[in-house]
Amino acid sequence: MRCHFCNHEDSKVIDSRSSSDGKIVRRRRECLSCARRVTTKEYIEESPLVVVKIDGRREVYDQEKLKRSLQIACKKRPVATAALHDLVGRIEGKLRDRFQEEVPSREIGEIVIKELRSLDEVAYVRFASVYRNFQDKEEFINELEGLTSEESEIGRASCRERV
């Protein structure tokens, strides 16, 4: 790396530290000619994910759009901001693990549904009502019944385990 002070071509790394999420590396460098020090930061360059919409349109994945939709679903719910931040991170991690360049919007929705269900059931139902585009109250009631029947299944299974 070229020195900012004397334009010498070489420097040595004195110290390297990674950020907590491992995406940024901070390096302390010293010029081999003038011995002046500078700090550099290296970022991981990820190729952007492209979301393929149901109608075939493509748009670049937008983390802020995901955050907004989760915040709307969790509005007035006892969900901490840190929990939402972690949720966005988990969802993005799953997307990057499963898809290299393009991800169907349906897959994003299904991952969000599963993650929200374990975080907050009311937020889950709110998100599901928009995502699944409920047309009448019967569809909404069926979704709620699915939630309660799964809870009773879990309850029965845990009672059997205790016996």
C-alpha atoms as a PDB file:
ATOM      1  CA  MET A   1       0.000   0.000   0.000  1.00  0.00           C
ATOM      2  CA  ARG A   2       1.342   3.418  -0.985  1.00  0.00           C
ATOM      3  CA  CYS A   3       2.223   5.780   1.899  1.00  0.00           C
ATOM      4  CA  HIS A   4      -0.008   8.868   2.065  1.00  0.00           C
ATOM      5  CA  PHE A   5       2.872  10.993   3.304  1.00  0.00           C
ATOM      6  CA  CYS A   6       5.957  10.096   1.231  1.00  0.00           C
ATOM      7  CA  ASN A   7       4.410   7.965  -1.572  1.00  0.00           C
ATOM      8  CA  HIS A   8       6.682   5.021  -0.786  1.00  0.00           C
ATOM      9  CA  GLU A   9       5.300   1.732  -2.169  1.00  0.00           C
ATOM     10  CA  ASP A  10       5.684  -0.546   0.875  1.00  0.00           C
ATOM     11  CA  SER A  11       4.373  -0.626   4.408  1.00  0.00           C
ATOM     12  CA  LYS A  12       4.175  -3.223   7.130  1.00  0.00           C
ATOM     13  CA  VAL A  13       1.148  -4.219   9.161  1.00  0.00           C
ATOM     14  CA  ILE A  14       1.665  -3.576  12.867  1.00  0.00           C
ATOM     15  CA  ASP A  15      -1.753  -4.616  14.179  1.00  0.00           C
ATOM     16  CA  SER A  16      -4.926  -6.205  12.747  1.00  0.00           C
ATOM     17  CA  ARG A  17      -8.322  -6.368  14.408  1.00  0.00           C
ATOM     18  CA  SER A  18     -11.621  -7.740  13.133  1.00  0.00           C
ATOM     19  CA  SER A  19     -14.965  -6.184  13.956  1.00  0.00           C
ATOM     20  CA  SER A  20     -17.386  -8.154  16.112  1.00  0.00           C
ATOM     21  CA  ASP A  21     -19.293  -9.429  13.076  1.00  0.00           C
ATOM     22  CA  GLY A  22     -16.078 -10.210  11.187  1.00  0.00           C
ATOM     23  CA  LYS A  23     -16.986  -8.071   8.172  1.00  0.00           C
ATOM     24  CA  ILE A  24     -14.423  -5.313   8.741  1.00  0.00           C
ATOM     25  CA  VAL A  25     -10.688  -5.641   9.389  1.00  0.00           C
ATOM     26  CA  ARG A  26      -8.889  -2.635  10.876  1.00  0.00           C
ATOM     27  CA  ARG A  27      -5.145  -2.585  10.176  1.00  0.00           C
ATOM     28  CA  ARG A  28      -2.492  -0.326  11.661  1.00  0.00           C
ATOM     29  CA  ARG A  29       0.302   0.153   9.085  1.00  0.00           C
ATOM     30  CA  GLU A  30       3.741   1.711   9.198  1.00  0.00           C
ATOM     31  CA  CYS A  31       5.585   3.075   6.156  1.00  0.00           C
ATOM     32  CA  LEU A  32       8.941   1.345   5.589  1.00  0.00           C
ATOM     33  CA  SER A  33      10.475   4.615   4.370  1.00  0.00           C
ATOM     34  CA  CYS A  34       9.247   7.448   6.652  1.00  0.00           C
ATOM     35  CA  ALA A  35       7.961   5.276   9.559  1.00  0.00           C
ATOM     36  CA  ARG A  36       4.672   7.213   9.759  1.00  0.00           C
ATOM     37  CA  ARG A  37       1.577   5.257  10.693  1.00  0.00           C
ATOM     38  CA  VAL A  38      -1.883   5.073   9.185  1.00  0.00           C
ATOM     39  CA  THR A  39      -5.009   3.060   9.870  1.00  0.00           C
ATOM     40  CA  THR A  40      -6.834   1.278   7.069  1.00  0.00           C
ATOM     41  CA  LYS A  41     -10.113  -0.572   7.040  1.00  0.00           C
ATOM     42  CA  GLU A  42     -10.909  -3.509   4.789  1.00  0.00           C
ATOM     43  CA  TYR A  43     -14.491  -4.436   4.032  1.00  0.00           C
ATOM     44  CA  ILE A  44     -15.814  -7.676   2.618  1.00  0.00           C
ATOM     45  CA  GLU A  45     -17.191  -6.981  -0.819  1.00  0.00           C
ATOM     46  CA  GLU A  46     -20.313  -9.047  -1.315  1.00  0.00           C
ATOM     47  CA  SER A  47     -22.140  -9.302  -4.583  1.00  0.00           C
ATOM     48  CA  PRO A  48     -25.634  -7.883  -4.173  1.00  0.00           C
ATOM     49  CA  LEU A  49     -28.586 -10.231  -3.976  1.00  0.00           C
ATOM     50  CA  VAL A  50     -31.250  -9.656  -6.582  1.00  0.00           C
ATOM     51  CA  VAL A  51     -34.848 -10.337  -5.581  1.00  0.00           C
ATOM     52  CA  VAL A  52     -36.995 -11.951  -8.263  1.00  0.00           C
ATOM     53  CA  LYS A  53     -40.586 -10.800  -7.803  1.00  0.00           C
ATOM     54  CA  ILE A  54     -43.612 -12.991  -8.531  1.00  0.00           C
ATOM     55  CA  ASP A  55     -44.264 -11.109 -11.781  1.00  0.00           C
ATOM     56  CA  GLY A  56     -40.654 -11.674 -12.908  1.00  0.00           C
ATOM     57  CA  ARG A  57     -39.332  -8.193 -12.158  1.00  0.00           C
ATOM     58  CA  ARG A  58     -35.925  -8.017 -10.528  1.00  0.00           C
ATOM     59  CA  GLU A  59     -34.689  -5.533  -7.938  1.00  0.00           C
ATOM     60  CA  VAL A  60     -31.672  -5.327  -5.672  1.00  0.00           C
ATOM     61  CA  TYR A  61     -32.294  -6.700  -2.164  1.00  0.00           C
ATOM     62  CA  ASP A  62     -32.971  -3.847   0.258  1.00  0.00           C
ATOM     63  CA  GLN A  63     -32.286  -4.501   3.932  1.00  0.00           C
ATOM     64  CA  GLU A  64     -34.204  -1.354   4.901  1.00  0.00           C
ATOM     65  CA  LYS A  65     -37.343  -2.662   3.191  1.00  0.00           C
ATOM     66  CA  LEU A  66     -37.121  -5.863   5.234  1.00  0.00           C
ATOM     67  CA  LYS A  67     -36.563  -3.884   8.461  1.00  0.00           C
ATOM     68  CA  ARG A  68     -39.573  -1.655   7.758  1.00  0.00           C
ATOM     69  CA  SER A  69     -41.890  -4.594   7.140  1.00  0.00           C
ATOM     70  CA  LEU A  70     -40.722  -6.295  10.347  1.00  0.00           C
ATOM     71  CA  GLN A  71     -41.132  -3.070  12.329  1.00  0.00           C
ATOM     72  CA  ILE A  72     -44.687  -2.701  11.034  1.00  0.00           C
ATOM     73  CA  ALA A  73     -45.503  -6.300  11.987  1.00  0.00           C
ATOM     74  CA  CYS A  74     -43.996  -5.807  15.465  1.00  0.00           C
ATOM     75  CA  LYS A  75     -45.516  -2.371  16.110  1.00  0.00           C
ATOM     76  CA  LYS A  76     -46.780  -2.058  19.704  1.00  0.00           C
ATOM     77  CA  ARG A  77     -45.474  -5.536  20.507  1.00  0.00           C
ATOM     78  CA  PRO A  78     -42.955  -6.378  23.243  1.00  0.00           C
ATOM     79  CA  VAL A  79     -40.180  -7.049  20.735  1.00  0.00           C
ATOM     80  CA  ALA A  80     -36.834  -5.408  21.468  1.00  0.00           C
ATOM     81  CA  THR A  81     -35.024  -3.479  18.770  1.00  0.00           C
ATOM     82  CA  ALA A  82     -32.016  -5.755  19.287  1.00  0.00           C
ATOM     83  CA  ALA A  83     -34.236  -8.793  18.633  1.00  0.00           C
ATOM     84  CA  LEU A  84     -35.391  -7.244  15.338  1.00  0.00           C
ATOM     85  CA  HIS A  85     -31.792  -6.485  14.400  1.00  0.00           C
ATOM     86  CA  ASP A  86     -30.816 -10.101  15.139  1.00  0.00           C
ATOM     87  CA  LEU A  87     -33.820 -11.327  13.153  1.00  0.00           C
ATOM     88  CA  VAL A  88     -32.756  -9.323  10.088  1.00  0.00           C
ATOM     89  CA  GLY A  89     -29.244 -10.758  10.447  1.00  0.00           C
ATOM     90  CA  ARG A  90     -30.532 -14.336  10.651  1.00  0.00           C
ATOM     91  CA  ILE A  91     -32.790 -13.861   7.637  1.00  0.00           C
ATOM     92  CA  GLU A  92     -29.975 -12.345   5.572  1.00  0.00           C
ATOM     93  CA  GLY A  93     -27.634 -15.149   6.656  1.00  0.00           C
ATOM     94  CA  LYS A  94     -30.117 -17.770   5.484  1.00  0.00           C
ATOM     95  CA  LEU A  95     -30.597 -15.960   2.178  1.00  0.00           C
ATOM     96  CA  ARG A  96     -26.845 -15.748   1.549  1.00  0.00           C
ATOM     97  CA  ASP A  97     -26.384 -19.407   2.522  1.00  0.00           C
ATOM     98  CA  ARG A  98     -29.095 -20.618   0.143  1.00  0.00           C
ATOM     99  CA  PHE A  99     -28.739 -18.232  -2.789  1.00  0.00           C
ATOM    100  CA  GLN A 100     -25.709 -16.844  -4.601  1.00  0.00           C
ATOM    101  CA  GLU A 101     -27.105 -14.103  -6.809  1.00  0.00           C
ATOM    102  CA  GLU A 102     -30.894 -14.261  -7.141  1.00  0.00           C
ATOM    103  CA  VAL A 103     -33.527 -15.051  -4.539  1.00  0.00           C
ATOM    104  CA  PRO A 104     -37.246 -15.469  -5.222  1.00  0.00           C
ATOM    105  CA  SER A 105     -39.328 -13.028  -3.158  1.00  0.00           C
ATOM    106  CA  ARG A 106     -41.457 -15.981  -2.069  1.00  0.00           C
ATOM    107  CA  GLU A 107     -38.424 -17.526  -0.339  1.00  0.00           C
ATOM    108  CA  ILE A 108     -37.782 -14.317   1.598  1.00  0.00           C
ATOM    109  CA  GLY A 109     -41.405 -14.277   2.733  1.00  0.00           C
ATOM    110  CA  GLU A 110     -41.313 -17.911   3.861  1.00  0.00           C
ATOM    111  CA  ILE A 111     -38.110 -17.377   5.854  1.00  0.00           C
ATOM    112  CA  VAL A 112     -39.597 -14.254   7.477  1.00  0.00           C
ATOM    113  CA  ILE A 113     -42.800 -16.145   8.343  1.00  0.00           C
ATOM    114  CA  LYS A 114     -40.864 -18.952  10.066  1.00  0.00           C
ATOM    115  CA  GLU A 115     -38.622 -16.565  11.977  1.00  0.00           C
ATOM    116  CA  LEU A 116     -41.478 -14.279  13.069  1.00  0.00           C
ATOM    117  CA  ARG A 117     -43.545 -17.215  14.233  1.00  0.00           C
ATOM    118  CA  SER A 118     -40.905 -18.120  16.797  1.00  0.00           C
ATOM    119  CA  LEU A 119     -40.347 -14.477  17.795  1.00  0.00           C
ATOM    120  CA  ASP A 120     -43.903 -13.160  18.291  1.00  0.00           C
ATOM    121  CA  GLU A 121     -47.166 -14.811  17.238  1.00  0.00           C
ATOM    122  CA  VAL A 122     -49.107 -11.562  16.842  1.00  0.00           C
ATOM    123  CA  ALA A 123     -46.380 -10.113  14.612  1.00  0.00           C
ATOM    124  CA  TYR A 124     -46.424 -13.391  12.707  1.00  0.00           C
ATOM    125  CA  VAL A 125     -50.179 -13.155  12.080  1.00  0.00           C
ATOM    126  CA  ARG A 126     -49.885  -9.505  11.044  1.00  0.00           C
ATOM    127  CA  PHE A 127     -47.135 -10.294   8.561  1.00  0.00           C
ATOM    128  CA  ALA A 128     -48.901 -13.437   7.301  1.00  0.00           C
ATOM    129  CA  SER A 129     -52.136 -11.530   6.676  1.00  0.00           C
ATOM    130  CA  VAL A 130     -50.329  -9.182   4.281  1.00  0.00           C
ATOM    131  CA  TYR A 131     -47.884 -11.712   2.845  1.00  0.00           C
ATOM    132  CA  ARG A 132     -50.477 -14.403   2.194  1.00  0.00           C
ATOM    133  CA  ASN A 133     -53.003 -11.769   1.099  1.00  0.00           C
ATOM    134  CA  PHE A 134     -55.982 -12.995   3.109  1.00  0.00           C
ATOM    135  CA  GLN A 135     -59.170 -12.173   1.210  1.00  0.00           C
ATOM    136  CA  ASP A 136     -61.711 -12.876   3.926  1.00  0.00           C
ATOM    137  CA  LYS A 137     -62.027 -13.596   7.620  1.00  0.00           C
ATOM    138  CA  GLU A 138     -62.142 -17.384   7.060  1.00  0.00           C
ATOM    139  CA  GLU A 139     -58.575 -17.397   5.747  1.00  0.00           C
ATOM    140  CA  PHE A 140     -57.523 -15.349   8.755  1.00  0.00           C
ATOM    141  CA  ILE A 141     -59.340 -17.680  11.166  1.00  0.00           C
ATOM    142  CA  ASN A 142     -57.792 -20.740   9.494  1.00  0.00           C
ATOM    143  CA  GLU A 143     -54.330 -19.275  10.060  1.00  0.00           C
ATOM    144  CA  LEU A 144     -55.113 -18.629  13.733  1.00  0.00           C
ATOM    145  CA  GLU A 145     -56.527 -22.131  14.136  1.00  0.00           C
ATOM    146  CA  GLY A 146     -53.340 -23.522  12.621  1.00  0.00           C
ATOM    147  CA  LEU A 147     -51.370 -21.656  15.270  1.00  0.00           C
ATOM    148  CA  THR A 148     -53.515 -22.881  18.145  1.00  0.00           C
ATOM    149  CA  SER A 149     -53.610 -26.479  16.903  1.00  0.00           C
ATOM    150  CA  GLU A 150     -49.806 -26.532  16.651  1.00  0.00           C
ATOM    151  CA  GLU A 151     -49.557 -25.122  20.187  1.00  0.00           C
ATOM    152  CA  SER A 152     -51.852 -27.859  21.494  1.00  0.00           C
ATOM    153  CA  GLU A 153     -49.784 -30.489  19.635  1.00  0.00           C
ATOM    154  CA  ILE A 154     -46.636 -29.134  21.287  1.00  0.00           C
ATOM    155  CA  GLY A 155     -48.381 -29.092  24.659  1.00  0.00           C
ATOM    156  CA  ARG A 156     -49.541 -32.708  24.273  1.00  0.00           C
ATOM    157  CA  ALA A 157     -46.066 -33.808  23.212  1.00  0.00           C
ATOM    158  CA  SER A 158     -44.439 -32.152  26.215  1.00  0.00           C
ATOM    159  CA  CYS A 159     -47.029 -33.755  28.534  1.00  0.00           C
ATOM    160  CA  ARG A 160     -46.181 -37.188  27.029  1.00  0.00           C
ATOM    161  CA  GLU A 161     -42.486 -36.532  27.588  1.00  0.00           C
ATOM    162  CA  ARG A 162     -43.110 -35.837  31.280  1.00  0.00           C
ATOM    163  CA  VAL A 163     -45.047 -39.079  31.773  1.00  0.00           C
END
